[in-house]
């Protein structure tokens, strides 16, 4: 099911009490303020098991990782404020608080690499891929 369709029917999906959710292209849920995320993340949190996939690295800023981490490990990453204070180096500005910074990146990377992320580089899997056909 597409994310647009799932967003449209989020209330119906939430009543179905799914035990597992498998989401591809999960980077579409990186924004905490998008309608898609606000409707689908709570539905996903009700599942007992969650598998999140993406071929697009979430490498820009730690604040973009929060929603994905919350879905995978909600007991640890439940509060954006706590996460942001630890990993986003928040700065006060005239427009409020800016969470587009970063801090404790080594620690965050260690958590991701040890517990959450499986990342395979193209150079490592190139020999396993079939030859291109033109």
Protein backbone atom coordinates (compact mmCIF):
# COMPACT_ATOMS: atom_id res chain seq x y z
CA UNK A 1 0.00 0.00 0.00
CA UNK A 2 1.37 3.45 -0.83
CA UNK A 3 2.10 5.99 1.88
CA UNK A 4 -0.53 8.33 0.45
CA UNK A 5 -3.19 5.64 0.61
CA UNK A 6 -2.09 4.54 4.09
CA UNK A 7 -2.25 8.17 5.29
CA UNK A 8 -5.76 8.53 3.90
CA UNK A 9 -6.95 5.35 5.66
CA UNK A 10 -4.81 5.54 8.81
CA UNK A 11 -7.80 5.46 11.17
CA UNK A 12 -9.16 2.30 9.51
CA UNK A 13 -5.72 0.66 9.50
CA UNK A 14 -5.27 1.42 13.20
CA UNK A 15 -8.48 -0.50 14.00
CA UNK A 16 -7.11 -3.63 12.30
CA UNK A 17 -4.52 -4.26 15.04
CA UNK A 18 -1.73 -5.53 12.82
CA UNK A 19 1.02 -7.41 14.65
CA UNK A 20 3.78 -6.61 12.15
CA UNK A 21 4.55 -3.67 9.89
CA UNK A 22 7.02 -3.78 7.03
CA UNK A 23 7.71 -0.39 5.50
CA UNK A 24 9.84 0.26 2.45
CA UNK A 25 11.25 3.70 1.67
CA UNK A 26 10.87 4.63 5.35
CA UNK A 27 12.72 7.89 4.74
CA UNK A 28 9.29 9.21 3.69
CA UNK A 29 8.47 9.28 7.43
CA UNK A 30 11.52 11.24 8.58
CA UNK A 31 9.70 14.54 9.10
CA UNK A 32 7.99 14.72 12.50
CA UNK A 33 5.64 17.45 11.31
CA UNK A 34 4.34 15.98 8.06
CA UNK A 35 0.73 14.80 7.93
CA UNK A 36 1.97 11.40 6.74
CA UNK A 37 4.17 10.93 9.80
CA UNK A 38 1.67 12.29 12.29
CA UNK A 39 -0.95 9.81 11.07
CA UNK A 40 1.17 6.73 10.39
CA UNK A 41 3.81 6.67 13.15
CA UNK A 42 1.22 6.12 15.93
CA UNK A 43 -0.29 3.26 13.91
CA UNK A 44 3.13 1.67 13.45
CA UNK A 45 3.91 2.02 17.16
CA UNK A 46 1.00 -0.32 17.96
CA UNK A 47 2.62 -3.18 16.02
CA UNK A 48 4.56 -5.82 17.93
CA UNK A 49 7.22 -6.07 15.22
CA UNK A 50 8.48 -3.46 12.79
CA UNK A 51 10.82 -3.83 9.83
CA UNK A 52 11.86 -0.57 8.22
CA UNK A 53 13.71 -0.50 4.91
CA UNK A 54 15.26 2.22 2.81
CA UNK A 55 17.96 2.52 0.22
CA UNK A 56 18.25 6.21 0.97
CA UNK A 57 20.62 6.99 3.83
CA UNK A 58 19.31 9.29 6.56
CA UNK A 59 22.58 11.13 6.92
CA UNK A 60 21.71 14.81 6.81
CA UNK A 61 20.90 15.64 10.44
CA UNK A 62 20.16 13.60 13.56
CA UNK A 63 16.70 15.17 13.90
CA UNK A 64 15.74 13.37 10.67
CA UNK A 65 16.49 10.02 12.32
CA UNK A 66 14.18 10.48 15.29
CA UNK A 67 10.92 9.20 13.78
CA UNK A 68 12.62 6.10 12.41
CA UNK A 69 14.33 5.42 15.74
CA UNK A 70 11.08 5.99 17.61
CA UNK A 71 9.34 3.34 15.48
CA UNK A 72 12.15 0.83 15.95
CA UNK A 73 12.97 1.44 19.61
CA UNK A 74 10.09 3.37 21.20
CA UNK A 75 11.07 2.65 24.80
CA UNK A 76 14.45 4.36 24.30
CA UNK A 77 13.58 7.01 21.72
CA UNK A 78 10.15 8.16 22.87
CA UNK A 79 10.86 11.83 23.57
CA UNK A 80 12.07 14.13 20.81
CA UNK A 81 13.16 16.70 23.38
CA UNK A 82 15.48 14.25 25.13
CA UNK A 83 16.79 12.98 21.80
CA UNK A 84 17.31 16.51 20.45
CA UNK A 85 19.09 17.70 23.58
CA UNK A 86 21.49 14.76 23.30
CA UNK A 87 22.09 14.56 19.54
CA UNK A 88 20.83 17.73 17.80
CA UNK A 89 22.72 20.48 19.64
CA UNK A 90 19.63 22.73 19.86
CA UNK A 91 20.12 26.47 19.55
CA UNK A 92 17.65 29.19 20.47
CA UNK A 93 16.84 31.54 17.64
CA UNK A 94 14.32 34.31 16.98
CA UNK A 95 12.05 31.66 15.40
CA UNK A 96 12.18 29.26 18.37
CA UNK A 97 14.60 26.39 18.83
CA UNK A 98 16.69 25.18 15.91
CA UNK A 99 17.24 21.40 15.96
CA UNK A 100 19.31 21.25 12.76
CA UNK A 101 22.60 20.85 14.59
CA UNK A 102 24.42 17.76 15.75
CA UNK A 103 26.21 16.55 18.87
CA UNK A 104 27.42 13.22 20.23
CA UNK A 105 27.52 11.83 16.68
CA UNK A 106 29.97 9.07 17.54
CA UNK A 107 27.61 7.77 20.24
CA UNK A 108 24.58 7.97 17.93
CA UNK A 109 26.45 6.17 15.17
CA UNK A 110 27.52 3.44 17.59
CA UNK A 111 23.89 2.93 18.65
CA UNK A 112 22.72 2.82 15.05
CA UNK A 113 25.45 0.47 13.89
CA UNK A 114 25.20 -1.90 16.85
CA UNK A 115 21.44 -2.15 17.30
CA UNK A 116 19.48 -0.76 14.38
CA UNK A 117 21.16 -0.20 11.06
CA UNK A 118 22.36 -2.70 8.52
CA UNK A 119 24.21 -0.81 5.86
CA UNK A 120 25.87 -2.45 2.92
CA UNK A 121 28.06 -0.38 0.67
CA UNK A 122 27.85 -0.77 -3.10
CA UNK A 123 31.52 -1.69 -3.32
CA UNK A 124 30.93 -4.57 -0.88
CA UNK A 125 28.00 -6.09 -2.76
CA UNK A 126 29.05 -5.26 -6.33
CA UNK A 127 30.49 -8.74 -6.85
CA UNK A 128 27.12 -10.25 -5.81
CA UNK A 129 25.08 -8.22 -8.29
CA UNK A 130 24.33 -9.58 -11.75
CA UNK A 131 25.96 -7.90 -14.76
CA UNK A 132 24.09 -5.00 -16.34
CA UNK A 133 22.05 -5.81 -19.42
CA UNK A 134 21.56 -3.18 -22.06
